[in-house]
Amino acid sequence: MHRAQSTTQSPFRMVVFDFDGTLVDTMQSFADVAADVMASRYSVHFEWARRRYLETSGIPFFQQLEEIFPNNNGNSDAAEEFERRKLEGFFSEKFDADVRGALAALQSKGYKIAVSSNNFQHLLDKFVSTEDVQFDMVLGCRDNFFKGHDHFNAIKQKLGVGAHEILFVGDSLMDAQRATESGVRFVGRTGTFTSQSFKKAYPGIPTVDKLSDLHGIIDTCF
Protein backbone atom coordinates (compact mmCIF):
# COMPACT_ATOMS: atom_id res chain seq x y z
CA MET A 1 0.00 0.00 0.00
CA HIS A 2 1.40 3.42 -0.96
CA ARG A 3 1.49 5.90 1.89
CA ALA A 4 1.69 9.62 1.33
CA GLN A 5 4.47 11.57 2.96
CA SER A 6 3.38 13.22 6.19
CA THR A 7 2.64 16.92 6.07
CA THR A 8 1.48 17.14 9.68
CA GLN A 9 3.29 19.20 12.31
CA SER A 10 2.32 16.63 14.94
CA PRO A 11 5.13 15.46 17.23
CA PHE A 12 4.04 11.85 16.64
CA ARG A 13 5.23 9.41 14.03
CA MET A 14 3.24 6.43 15.26
CA VAL A 15 -0.24 5.73 16.63
CA VAL A 16 -0.63 2.50 18.59
CA PHE A 17 -4.09 1.07 19.27
CA ASP A 18 -5.37 -1.24 21.92
CA PHE A 19 -7.65 -3.86 20.36
CA ASP A 20 -10.68 -4.92 22.43
CA GLY A 21 -12.94 -1.96 23.12
CA THR A 22 -10.81 0.33 20.96
CA LEU A 23 -10.66 -1.15 17.46
CA VAL A 24 -13.44 -3.71 17.92
CA ASP A 25 -16.51 -3.62 20.16
CA THR A 26 -15.81 -6.81 22.11
CA MET A 27 -15.55 -5.59 25.69
CA GLN A 28 -19.22 -5.86 26.61
CA SER A 29 -19.53 -9.44 25.37
CA PHE A 30 -16.22 -10.33 27.05
CA ALA A 31 -17.52 -8.81 30.28
CA ASP A 32 -20.62 -11.00 30.09
CA VAL A 33 -18.55 -14.14 29.56
CA ALA A 34 -16.10 -13.23 32.33
CA ALA A 35 -18.91 -12.46 34.77
CA ASP A 36 -20.63 -15.74 34.02
CA VAL A 37 -17.38 -17.65 34.55
CA MET A 38 -16.69 -15.88 37.84
CA ALA A 39 -20.27 -16.17 39.09
CA SER A 40 -20.35 -19.92 38.49
CA ARG A 41 -16.87 -20.71 39.78
CA TYR A 42 -16.47 -18.33 42.72
CA SER A 43 -20.07 -18.01 43.96
CA VAL A 44 -20.20 -14.24 43.45
CA HIS A 45 -22.98 -12.15 41.95
CA PHE A 46 -22.93 -11.69 38.19
CA GLU A 47 -23.25 -7.91 38.39
CA TRP A 48 -20.35 -7.62 40.86
CA ALA A 49 -18.17 -9.88 38.74
CA ARG A 50 -18.94 -7.94 35.58
CA ARG A 51 -18.07 -4.65 37.25
CA ARG A 52 -14.78 -6.04 38.58
CA TYR A 53 -13.88 -7.40 35.13
CA LEU A 54 -14.30 -3.96 33.58
CA GLU A 55 -12.55 -2.19 36.45
CA THR A 56 -9.47 -4.40 36.05
CA SER A 57 -9.49 -4.54 32.25
CA GLY A 58 -6.31 -3.78 30.33
CA ILE A 59 -4.35 -6.81 31.56
CA PRO A 60 -4.74 -10.49 30.56
CA PHE A 61 -7.69 -12.23 32.19
CA PHE A 62 -5.50 -14.61 34.18
CA GLN A 63 -3.87 -11.56 35.76
CA GLN A 64 -7.28 -9.99 36.39
CA LEU A 65 -8.31 -13.13 38.27
CA GLU A 66 -5.21 -12.92 40.44
CA GLU A 67 -6.15 -9.36 41.32
CA ILE A 68 -9.81 -10.19 41.99
CA PHE A 69 -9.26 -13.59 43.66
CA PRO A 70 -5.63 -13.61 44.85
CA ASN A 71 -3.91 -17.01 45.08
CA ASN A 72 -7.09 -18.92 44.29
CA ASN A 73 -6.34 -22.44 43.04
CA GLY A 74 -9.22 -22.22 40.58
CA ASN A 75 -7.88 -19.22 38.67
CA SER A 76 -6.06 -21.22 35.99
CA ASP A 77 -9.12 -23.28 35.06
CA ALA A 78 -11.33 -20.20 35.10
CA ALA A 79 -8.96 -18.36 32.76
CA GLU A 80 -8.92 -21.31 30.37
CA GLU A 81 -12.74 -21.40 30.32
CA PHE A 82 -12.93 -17.68 29.62
CA GLU A 83 -10.41 -17.84 26.76
CA ARG A 84 -12.29 -20.75 25.21
CA ARG A 85 -15.75 -19.22 25.50
CA LYS A 86 -14.81 -15.72 24.34
CA LEU A 87 -13.87 -17.10 20.92
CA GLU A 88 -17.50 -17.93 20.17
CA GLY A 89 -18.13 -14.39 18.96
CA PHE A 90 -14.61 -13.04 18.58
CA PHE A 91 -14.06 -13.80 14.91
CA SER A 92 -17.53 -12.60 13.94
CA GLU A 93 -16.43 -9.05 14.82
CA LYS A 94 -15.14 -6.64 12.15
CA PHE A 95 -13.66 -3.16 12.10
CA ASP A 96 -16.53 -0.75 11.58
CA ALA A 97 -16.56 2.06 9.00
CA ASP A 98 -15.41 4.67 11.49
CA VAL A 99 -12.38 2.61 12.52
CA ARG A 100 -11.45 1.81 8.93
CA GLY A 101 -11.75 5.45 7.95
CA ALA A 102 -9.70 6.65 10.92
CA LEU A 103 -6.88 4.18 10.24
CA ALA A 104 -6.80 5.01 6.53
CA ALA A 105 -6.71 8.75 7.26
CA LEU A 106 -3.77 8.34 9.64
CA GLN A 107 -1.84 6.30 7.11
CA SER A 108 -2.57 8.83 4.36
CA LYS A 109 -0.90 11.47 6.54
CA GLY A 110 2.20 9.34 6.93
CA TYR A 111 1.64 7.91 10.40
CA LYS A 112 2.69 4.36 11.18
CA ILE A 113 0.00 2.33 12.96
CA ALA A 114 0.20 -0.68 15.26
CA VAL A 115 -1.92 -2.91 17.48
CA SER A 116 -0.96 -3.56 21.10
CA SER A 117 -3.23 -6.02 22.89
CA ASN A 118 -3.29 -8.59 25.66
CA ASN A 119 -5.17 -10.93 23.37
CA PHE A 120 -3.00 -13.89 22.45
CA GLN A 121 -0.73 -13.24 19.47
CA HIS A 122 -2.14 -16.04 17.30
CA LEU A 123 -5.69 -14.73 17.75
CA LEU A 124 -4.73 -11.20 16.72
CA ASP A 125 -2.79 -12.46 13.72
CA LYS A 126 -5.79 -14.48 12.56
CA PHE A 127 -8.23 -11.59 13.07
CA VAL A 128 -6.06 -8.99 11.32
CA SER A 129 -5.45 -11.34 8.39
CA THR A 130 -9.16 -11.03 7.52
CA GLU A 131 -9.08 -7.22 7.49
CA ASP A 132 -7.89 -5.00 4.65
CA VAL A 133 -5.66 -2.90 6.92
CA GLN A 134 -1.87 -3.02 6.76
CA PHE A 135 -0.53 -2.47 10.27
CA ASP A 136 3.16 -1.79 10.73
CA MET A 137 3.17 -4.09 13.76
CA VAL A 138 0.63 -6.34 15.49
CA LEU A 139 1.63 -7.16 19.06
CA GLY A 140 -0.23 -9.58 21.29
CA CYS A 141 0.32 -11.54 24.47
CA ARG A 142 2.87 -14.34 24.56
CA ASP A 143 5.27 -15.69 27.17
CA ASN A 144 6.76 -12.79 29.15
CA PHE A 145 5.63 -10.30 26.50
CA PHE A 146 2.72 -8.04 27.37
CA LYS A 147 1.10 -4.72 26.53
CA GLY A 148 3.06 -1.85 28.04
CA HIS A 149 6.84 -1.72 28.33
CA ASP A 150 7.34 -4.93 26.33
CA HIS A 151 5.28 -3.77 23.37
CA PHE A 152 6.52 -0.19 23.35
CA ASN A 153 10.14 -1.34 23.51
CA ALA A 154 9.56 -3.73 20.60
CA ILE A 155 8.02 -0.91 18.56
CA LYS A 156 10.89 1.46 19.34
CA GLN A 157 13.52 -1.11 18.45
CA LYS A 158 11.94 -2.34 15.21
CA LEU A 159 10.62 0.94 13.82
CA GLY A 160 13.16 3.37 15.24
CA VAL A 161 10.71 5.68 16.96
CA GLY A 162 11.13 7.28 20.38
CA ALA A 163 8.61 7.10 23.19
CA HIS A 164 7.82 10.79 22.66
CA GLU A 165 6.88 10.01 19.04
CA ILE A 166 4.29 7.36 19.99
CA LEU A 167 0.62 8.03 20.75
CA PHE A 168 -1.29 5.18 22.41
CA VAL A 169 -5.08 4.93 22.14
CA GLY A 170 -6.88 2.63 24.56
CA ASP A 171 -10.17 2.10 26.33
CA SER A 172 -9.05 1.29 29.88
CA LEU A 173 -7.46 3.03 32.84
CA MET A 174 -4.78 0.36 32.76
CA ASP A 175 -3.97 1.38 29.18
CA ALA A 176 -3.46 4.92 30.42
CA GLN A 177 -1.23 3.67 33.23
CA ARG A 178 0.89 1.57 30.87
CA ALA A 179 1.38 4.53 28.55
CA THR A 180 2.28 6.86 31.42
CA GLU A 181 4.78 4.39 32.84
CA SER A 182 6.48 4.16 29.44
CA GLY A 183 6.61 7.89 28.74
CA VAL A 184 4.07 7.55 25.91
CA ARG A 185 1.25 10.04 25.36
CA PHE A 186 -2.27 8.67 25.65
CA VAL A 187 -5.80 9.21 24.33
CA GLY A 188 -8.71 7.44 26.02
CA ARG A 189 -11.37 5.80 23.88
CA THR A 190 -14.64 6.06 25.79
CA GLY A 191 -17.03 3.14 26.12
CA THR A 192 -15.55 0.81 28.71
CA PHE A 193 -14.78 3.90 30.83
CA THR A 194 -16.32 7.37 30.61
CA SER A 195 -14.40 10.52 29.76
CA GLN A 196 -14.92 11.63 33.36
CA SER A 197 -13.36 8.40 34.67
CA PHE A 198 -10.27 8.87 32.51
CA LYS A 199 -9.86 12.50 33.49
CA LYS A 200 -10.40 11.83 37.19
CA ALA A 201 -7.61 9.25 37.18
CA TYR A 202 -5.36 11.09 34.70
CA PRO A 203 -6.24 14.80 34.65
CA GLY A 204 -5.69 16.51 31.36
CA ILE A 205 -5.68 13.50 29.06
CA PRO A 206 -7.89 13.87 25.99
CA THR A 207 -10.62 11.37 25.16
CA VAL A 208 -12.57 10.46 22.04
CA ASP A 209 -15.94 8.81 21.59
CA LYS A 210 -14.99 7.47 18.16
CA LEU A 211 -11.66 7.01 16.42
CA SER A 212 -12.43 9.48 13.64
CA ASP A 213 -12.19 12.19 16.34
CA LEU A 214 -8.49 11.40 16.76
CA HIS A 215 -7.42 13.74 13.97
CA GLY A 216 -8.70 16.80 15.78
CA ILE A 217 -7.17 15.59 19.04
CA ILE A 218 -3.74 15.10 17.50
CA ASP A 219 -3.83 18.48 15.81
CA THR A 220 -5.03 20.49 18.83
CA CYS A 221 -4.17 18.73 22.10
CA PHE A 222 -0.48 17.89 21.76
C-alpha atoms as a PDB file:
ATOM      1  CA  MET A   1       0.000   0.000   0.000  1.00  0.00           C
ATOM      2  CA  HIS A   2       1.396   3.424  -0.965  1.00  0.00           C
ATOM      3  CA  ARG A   3       1.494   5.897   1.892  1.00  0.00           C
ATOM      4  CA  ALA A   4       1.687   9.616   1.333  1.00  0.00           C
ATOM      5  CA  GLN A   5       4.470  11.567   2.964  1.00  0.00           C
ATOM      6  CA  SER A   6       3.382  13.217   6.188  1.00  0.00           C
ATOM      7  CA  THR A   7       2.643  16.924   6.069  1.00  0.00           C
ATOM      8  CA  THR A   8       1.480  17.141   9.681  1.00  0.00           C
ATOM      9  CA  GLN A   9       3.289  19.195  12.306  1.00  0.00           C
ATOM     10  CA  SER A  10       2.315  16.629  14.938  1.00  0.00           C
ATOM     11  CA  PRO A  11       5.129  15.460  17.234  1.00  0.00           C
ATOM     12  CA  PHE A  12       4.040  11.851  16.643  1.00  0.00           C
ATOM     13  CA  ARG A  13       5.231   9.412  14.032  1.00  0.00           C
ATOM     14  CA  MET A  14       3.238   6.434  15.258  1.00  0.00           C
ATOM     15  CA  VAL A  15      -0.236   5.731  16.634  1.00  0.00           C
ATOM     16  CA  VAL A  16      -0.635   2.497  18.589  1.00  0.00           C
ATOM     17  CA  PHE A  17      -4.092   1.070  19.268  1.00  0.00           C
ATOM     18  CA  ASP A  18      -5.375  -1.242  21.922  1.00  0.00           C
ATOM     19  CA  PHE A  19      -7.648  -3.862  20.362  1.00  0.00           C
ATOM     20  CA  ASP A  20     -10.677  -4.924  22.430  1.00  0.00           C
ATOM     21  CA  GLY A  21     -12.936  -1.958  23.122  1.00  0.00           C
ATOM     22  CA  THR A  22     -10.812   0.333  20.960  1.00  0.00           C
ATOM     23  CA  LEU A  23     -10.661  -1.153  17.458  1.00  0.00           C
ATOM     24  CA  VAL A  24     -13.443  -3.706  17.919  1.00  0.00           C
ATOM     25  CA  ASP A  25     -16.507  -3.623  20.164  1.00  0.00           C
ATOM     26  CA  THR A  26     -15.808  -6.809  22.107  1.00  0.00           C
ATOM     27  CA  MET A  27     -15.551  -5.587  25.689  1.00  0.00           C
ATOM     28  CA  GLN A  28     -19.215  -5.859  26.609  1.00  0.00           C
ATOM     29  CA  SER A  29     -19.528  -9.439  25.366  1.00  0.00           C
ATOM     30  CA  PHE A  30     -16.216 -10.325  27.049  1.00  0.00           C
ATOM     31  CA  ALA A  31     -17.516  -8.810  30.277  1.00  0.00           C
ATOM     32  CA  ASP A  32     -20.623 -10.996  30.094  1.00  0.00           C
ATOM     33  CA  VAL A  33     -18.545 -14.145  29.562  1.00  0.00           C
ATOM     34  CA  ALA A  34     -16.102 -13.234  32.325  1.00  0.00           C
ATOM     35  CA  ALA A  35     -18.906 -12.459  34.768  1.00  0.00           C
ATOM     36  CA  ASP A  36     -20.628 -15.742  34.015  1.00  0.00           C
ATOM     37  CA  VAL A  37     -17.377 -17.655  34.554  1.00  0.00           C
ATOM     38  CA  MET A  38     -16.690 -15.884  37.842  1.00  0.00           C
ATOM     39  CA  ALA A  39     -20.269 -16.174  39.095  1.00  0.00           C
ATOM     40  CA  SER A  40     -20.350 -19.923  38.486  1.00  0.00           C
ATOM     41  CA  ARG A  41     -16.867 -20.711  39.777  1.00  0.00           C
ATOM     42  CA  TYR A  42     -16.466 -18.334  42.723  1.00  0.00           C
ATOM     43  CA  SER A  43     -20.072 -18.012  43.963  1.00  0.00           C
ATOM     44  CA  VAL A  44     -20.198 -14.243  43.445  1.00  0.00           C
ATOM     45  CA  HIS A  45     -22.981 -12.147  41.954  1.00  0.00           C
ATOM     46  CA  PHE A  46     -22.931 -11.689  38.190  1.00  0.00           C
ATOM     47  CA  GLU A  47     -23.251  -7.906  38.389  1.00  0.00           C
ATOM     48  CA  TRP A  48     -20.353  -7.617  40.859  1.00  0.00           C
ATOM     49  CA  ALA A  49     -18.167  -9.881  38.741  1.00  0.00           C
ATOM     50  CA  ARG A  50     -18.943  -7.941  35.575  1.00  0.00           C
ATOM     51  CA  ARG A  51     -18.071  -4.655  37.246  1.00  0.00           C
ATOM     52  CA  ARG A  52     -14.782  -6.041  38.577  1.00  0.00           C
ATOM     53  CA  TYR A  53     -13.883  -7.399  35.129  1.00  0.00           C
ATOM     54  CA  LEU A  54     -14.301  -3.963  33.581  1.00  0.00           C
ATOM     55  CA  GLU A  55     -12.550  -2.193  36.449  1.00  0.00           C
ATOM     56  CA  THR A  56      -9.471  -4.402  36.051  1.00  0.00           C
ATOM     57  CA  SER A  57      -9.489  -4.544  32.249  1.00  0.00           C
ATOM     58  CA  GLY A  58      -6.314  -3.783  30.334  1.00  0.00           C
ATOM     59  CA  ILE A  59      -4.351  -6.808  31.555  1.00  0.00           C
ATOM     60  CA  PRO A  60      -4.738 -10.489  30.562  1.00  0.00           C
ATOM     61  CA  PHE A  61      -7.691 -12.230  32.191  1.00  0.00           C
ATOM     62  CA  PHE A  62      -5.504 -14.613  34.177  1.00  0.00           C
ATOM     63  CA  GLN A  63      -3.872 -11.558  35.762  1.00  0.00           C
ATOM     64  CA  GLN A  64      -7.280  -9.995  36.393  1.00  0.00           C
ATOM     65  CA  LEU A  65      -8.314 -13.126  38.266  1.00  0.00           C
ATOM     66  CA  GLU A  66      -5.207 -12.925  40.435  1.00  0.00           C
ATOM     67  CA  GLU A  67      -6.153  -9.365  41.317  1.00  0.00           C
ATOM     68  CA  ILE A  68      -9.806 -10.186  41.986  1.00  0.00           C
ATOM     69  CA  PHE A  69      -9.265 -13.592  43.657  1.00  0.00           C
ATOM     70  CA  PRO A  70      -5.631 -13.613  44.855  1.00  0.00           C
ATOM     71  CA  ASN A  71      -3.909 -17.006  45.075  1.00  0.00           C
ATOM     72  CA  ASN A  72      -7.089 -18.918  44.290  1.00  0.00           C
ATOM     73  CA  ASN A  73      -6.343 -22.444  43.044  1.00  0.00           C
ATOM     74  CA  GLY A  74      -9.217 -22.222  40.580  1.00  0.00           C
ATOM     75  CA  ASN A  75      -7.879 -19.223  38.668  1.00  0.00           C
ATOM     76  CA  SER A  76      -6.055 -21.215  35.990  1.00  0.00           C
ATOM     77  CA  ASP A  77      -9.117 -23.282  35.058  1.00  0.00           C
ATOM     78  CA  ALA A  78     -11.332 -20.196  35.104  1.00  0.00           C
ATOM     79  CA  ALA A  79      -8.960 -18.359  32.756  1.00  0.00           C
ATOM     80  CA  GLU A  80      -8.921 -21.312  30.365  1.00  0.00           C
ATOM     81  CA  GLU A  81     -12.736 -21.405  30.316  1.00  0.00           C
ATOM     82  CA  PHE A  82     -12.933 -17.680  29.615  1.00  0.00           C
ATOM     83  CA  GLU A  83     -10.407 -17.835  26.757  1.00  0.00           C
ATOM     84  CA  ARG A  84     -12.288 -20.745  25.207  1.00  0.00           C
ATOM     85  CA  ARG A  85     -15.746 -19.220  25.502  1.00  0.00           C
ATOM     86  CA  LYS A  86     -14.813 -15.715  24.342  1.00  0.00           C
ATOM     87  CA  LEU A  87     -13.868 -17.096  20.920  1.00  0.00           C
ATOM     88  CA  GLU A  88     -17.501 -17.935  20.173  1.00  0.00           C
ATOM     89  CA  GLY A  89     -18.129 -14.394  18.957  1.00  0.00           C
ATOM     90  CA  PHE A  90     -14.611 -13.036  18.578  1.00  0.00           C
ATOM     91  CA  PHE A  91     -14.063 -13.804  14.907  1.00  0.00           C
ATOM     92  CA  SER A  92     -17.525 -12.597  13.939  1.00  0.00           C
ATOM     93  CA  GLU A  93     -16.430  -9.049  14.824  1.00  0.00           C
ATOM     94  CA  LYS A  94     -15.136  -6.637  12.153  1.00  0.00           C
ATOM     95  CA  PHE A  95     -13.657  -3.159  12.098  1.00  0.00           C
ATOM     96  CA  ASP A  96     -16.532  -0.745  11.578  1.00  0.00           C
ATOM     97  CA  ALA A  97     -16.559   2.055   8.999  1.00  0.00           C
ATOM     98  CA  ASP A  98     -15.413   4.675  11.487  1.00  0.00           C
ATOM     99  CA  VAL A  99     -12.384   2.606  12.517  1.00  0.00           C
ATOM    100  CA  ARG A 100     -11.453   1.813   8.929  1.00  0.00           C
ATOM    101  CA  GLY A 101     -11.749   5.449   7.948  1.00  0.00           C
ATOM    102  CA  ALA A 102      -9.701   6.654  10.917  1.00  0.00           C
ATOM    103  CA  LEU A 103      -6.882   4.181  10.238  1.00  0.00           C
ATOM    104  CA  ALA A 104      -6.801   5.013   6.527  1.00  0.00           C
ATOM    105  CA  ALA A 105      -6.706   8.746   7.263  1.00  0.00           C
ATOM    106  CA  LEU A 106      -3.774   8.337   9.641  1.00  0.00           C
ATOM    107  CA  GLN A 107      -1.840   6.298   7.106  1.00  0.00           C
ATOM    108  CA  SER A 108      -2.570   8.829   4.359  1.00  0.00           C
ATOM    109  CA  LYS A 109      -0.898  11.469   6.537  1.00  0.00           C
ATOM    110  CA  GLY A 110       2.204   9.337   6.928  1.00  0.00           C
ATOM    111  CA  TYR A 111       1.641   7.912  10.403  1.00  0.00           C
ATOM    112  CA  LYS A 112       2.687   4.361  11.178  1.00  0.00           C
ATOM    113  CA  ILE A 113      -0.002   2.333  12.961  1.00  0.00           C
ATOM    114  CA  ALA A 114       0.203  -0.678  15.257  1.00  0.00           C
ATOM    115  CA  VAL A 115      -1.918  -2.907  17.481  1.00  0.00           C
ATOM    116  CA  SER A 116      -0.960  -3.560  21.103  1.00  0.00           C
ATOM    117  CA  SER A 117      -3.228  -6.016  22.894  1.00  0.00           C
ATOM    118  CA  ASN A 118      -3.292  -8.586  25.656  1.00  0.00           C
ATOM    119  CA  ASN A 119      -5.171 -10.931  23.365  1.00  0.00           C
ATOM    120  CA  PHE A 120      -3.003 -13.891  22.449  1.00  0.00           C
ATOM    121  CA  GLN A 121      -0.734 -13.245  19.466  1.00  0.00           C
ATOM    122  CA  HIS A 122      -2.139 -16.039  17.297  1.00  0.00           C
ATOM    123  CA  LEU A 123      -5.695 -14.726  17.755  1.00  0.00           C
ATOM    124  CA  LEU A 124      -4.725 -11.202  16.721  1.00  0.00           C
ATOM    125  CA  ASP A 125      -2.787 -12.462  13.720  1.00  0.00           C
ATOM    126  CA  LYS A 126      -5.794 -14.478  12.561  1.00  0.00           C
ATOM    127  CA  PHE A 127      -8.226 -11.586  13.068  1.00  0.00           C
ATOM    128  CA  VAL A 128      -6.056  -8.991  11.323  1.00  0.00           C
ATOM    129  CA  SER A 129      -5.446 -11.340   8.386  1.00  0.00           C
ATOM    130  CA  THR A 130      -9.157 -11.034   7.520  1.00  0.00           C
ATOM    131  CA  GLU A 131      -9.079  -7.220   7.494  1.00  0.00           C
ATOM    132  CA  ASP A 132      -7.887  -5.001   4.651  1.00  0.00           C
ATOM    133  CA  VAL A 133      -5.663  -2.903   6.918  1.00  0.00           C
ATOM    134  CA  GLN A 134      -1.873  -3.025   6.761  1.00  0.00           C
ATOM    135  CA  PHE A 135      -0.534  -2.467  10.265  1.00  0.00           C
ATOM    136  CA  ASP A 136       3.156  -1.787  10.731  1.00  0.00           C
ATOM    137  CA  MET A 137       3.173  -4.088  13.764  1.00  0.00           C
ATOM    138  CA  VAL A 138       0.633  -6.336  15.489  1.00  0.00           C
ATOM    139  CA  LEU A 139       1.632  -7.159  19.058  1.00  0.00           C
ATOM    140  CA  GLY A 140      -0.225  -9.582  21.291  1.00  0.00           C
ATOM    141  CA  CYS A 141       0.321 -11.544  24.467  1.00  0.00           C
ATOM    142  CA  ARG A 142       2.866 -14.339  24.560  1.00  0.00           C
ATOM    143  CA  ASP A 143       5.274 -15.691  27.170  1.00  0.00           C
ATOM    144  CA  ASN A 144       6.759 -12.789  29.148  1.00  0.00           C
ATOM    145  CA  PHE A 145       5.633 -10.298  26.501  1.00  0.00           C
ATOM    146  CA  PHE A 146       2.716  -8.039  27.366  1.00  0.00           C
ATOM    147  CA  LYS A 147       1.101  -4.719  26.534  1.00  0.00           C
ATOM    148  CA  GLY A 148       3.058  -1.849  28.038  1.00  0.00           C
ATOM    149  CA  HIS A 149       6.844  -1.716  28.329  1.00  0.00           C
ATOM    150  CA  ASP A 150       7.345  -4.927  26.326  1.00  0.00           C
ATOM    151  CA  HIS A 151       5.279  -3.775  23.367  1.00  0.00           C
ATOM    152  CA  PHE A 152       6.517  -0.187  23.355  1.00  0.00           C
ATOM    153  CA  ASN A 153      10.138  -1.342  23.512  1.00  0.00           C
ATOM    154  CA  ALA A 154       9.556  -3.728  20.595  1.00  0.00           C
ATOM    155  CA  ILE A 155       8.020  -0.911  18.561  1.00  0.00           C
ATOM    156  CA  LYS A 156      10.892   1.456  19.344  1.00  0.00           C
ATOM    157  CA  GLN A 157      13.519  -1.114  18.454  1.00  0.00           C
ATOM    158  CA  LYS A 158      11.940  -2.339  15.213  1.00  0.00           C
ATOM    159  CA  LEU A 159      10.621   0.940  13.823  1.00  0.00           C
ATOM    160  CA  GLY A 160      13.163   3.369  15.240  1.00  0.00           C
ATOM    161  CA  VAL A 161      10.708   5.684  16.964  1.00  0.00           C
ATOM    162  CA  GLY A 162      11.134   7.275  20.377  1.00  0.00           C
ATOM    163  CA  ALA A 163       8.611   7.097  23.195  1.00  0.00           C
ATOM    164  CA  HIS A 164       7.822  10.792  22.659  1.00  0.00           C
ATOM    165  CA  GLU A 165       6.883  10.007  19.040  1.00  0.00           C
ATOM    166  CA  ILE A 166       4.288   7.365  19.988  1.00  0.00           C
ATOM    167  CA  LEU A 167       0.617   8.029  20.749  1.00  0.00           C
ATOM    168  CA  PHE A 168      -1.289   5.181  22.410  1.00  0.00           C
ATOM    169  CA  VAL A 169      -5.077   4.927  22.145  1.00  0.00           C
ATOM    170  CA  GLY A 170      -6.881   2.627  24.561  1.00  0.00           C
ATOM    171  CA  ASP A 171     -10.170   2.102  26.331  1.00  0.00           C
ATOM    172  CA  SER A 172      -9.046   1.288  29.882  1.00  0.00           C
ATOM    173  CA  LEU A 173      -7.464   3.032  32.836  1.00  0.00           C
ATOM    174  CA  MET A 174      -4.778   0.358  32.765  1.00  0.00           C
ATOM    175  CA  ASP A 175      -3.965   1.380  29.180  1.00  0.00           C
ATOM    176  CA  ALA A 176      -3.461   4.925  30.421  1.00  0.00           C
ATOM    177  CA  GLN A 177      -1.232   3.672  33.234  1.00  0.00           C
ATOM    178  CA  ARG A 178       0.893   1.570  30.873  1.00  0.00           C
ATOM    179  CA  ALA A 179       1.380   4.535  28.551  1.00  0.00           C
ATOM    180  CA  THR A 180       2.281   6.865  31.416  1.00  0.00           C
ATOM    181  CA  GLU A 181       4.778   4.385  32.841  1.00  0.00           C
ATOM    182  CA  SER A 182       6.479   4.159  29.443  1.00  0.00           C
ATOM    183  CA  GLY A 183       6.611   7.889  28.735  1.00  0.00           C
ATOM    184  CA  VAL A 184       4.070   7.552  25.911  1.00  0.00           C
ATOM    185  CA  ARG A 185       1.248  10.044  25.356  1.00  0.00           C
ATOM    186  CA  PHE A 186      -2.267   8.667  25.647  1.00  0.00           C
ATOM    187  CA  VAL A 187      -5.803   9.206  24.335  1.00  0.00           C
ATOM    188  CA  GLY A 188      -8.709   7.441  26.021  1.00  0.00           C
ATOM    189  CA  ARG A 189     -11.369   5.796  23.881  1.00  0.00           C
ATOM    190  CA  THR A 190     -14.636   6.060  25.789  1.00  0.00           C
ATOM    191  CA  GLY A 191     -17.025   3.145  26.122  1.00  0.00           C
ATOM    192  CA  THR A 192     -15.549   0.814  28.711  1.00  0.00           C
ATOM    193  CA  PHE A 193     -14.780   3.904  30.834  1.00  0.00           C
ATOM    194  CA  THR A 194     -16.316   7.368  30.607  1.00  0.00           C
ATOM    195  CA  SER A 195     -14.401  10.525  29.764  1.00  0.00           C
ATOM    196  CA  GLN A 196     -14.923  11.626  33.363  1.00  0.00           C
ATOM    197  CA  SER A 197     -13.362   8.404  34.669  1.00  0.00           C
ATOM    198  CA  PHE A 198     -10.269   8.873  32.511  1.00  0.00           C
ATOM    199  CA  LYS A 199      -9.857  12.502  33.492  1.00  0.00           C
ATOM    200  CA  LYS A 200     -10.405  11.826  37.193  1.00  0.00           C
ATOM    201  CA  ALA A 201      -7.610   9.251  37.182  1.00  0.00           C
ATOM    202  CA  TYR A 202      -5.363  11.094  34.704  1.00  0.00           C
ATOM    203  CA  PRO A 203      -6.242  14.797  34.651  1.00  0.00           C
ATOM    204  CA  GLY A 204      -5.691  16.507  31.359  1.00  0.00           C
ATOM    205  CA  ILE A 205      -5.677  13.501  29.065  1.00  0.00           C
ATOM    206  CA  PRO A 206      -7.889  13.867  25.988  1.00  0.00           C
ATOM    207  CA  THR A 207     -10.618  11.365  25.162  1.00  0.00           C
ATOM    208  CA  VAL A 208     -12.574  10.462  22.038  1.00  0.00           C
ATOM    209  CA  ASP A 209     -15.939   8.815  21.587  1.00  0.00           C
ATOM    210  CA  LYS A 210     -14.988   7.469  18.157  1.00  0.00           C
ATOM    211  CA  LEU A 211     -11.657   7.014  16.417  1.00  0.00           C
ATOM    212  CA  SER A 212     -12.425   9.479  13.644  1.00  0.00           C
ATOM    213  CA  ASP A 213     -12.193  12.185  16.340  1.00  0.00           C
ATOM    214  CA  LEU A 214      -8.490  11.397  16.756  1.00  0.00           C
ATOM    215  CA  HIS A 215      -7.418  13.743  13.972  1.00  0.00           C
ATOM    216  CA  GLY A 216      -8.701  16.802  15.782  1.00  0.00           C
ATOM    217  CA  ILE A 217      -7.171  15.586  19.039  1.00  0.00           C
ATOM    218  CA  ILE A 218      -3.735  15.100  17.496  1.00  0.00           C
ATOM    219  CA  ASP A 219      -3.835  18.478  15.814  1.00  0.00           C
ATOM    220  CA  THR A 220      -5.031  20.487  18.828  1.00  0.00           C
ATOM    221  CA  CYS A 221      -4.167  18.728  22.103  1.00  0.00           C
ATOM    222  CA  PHE A 222      -0.482  17.889  21.763  1.00  0.00           C
END
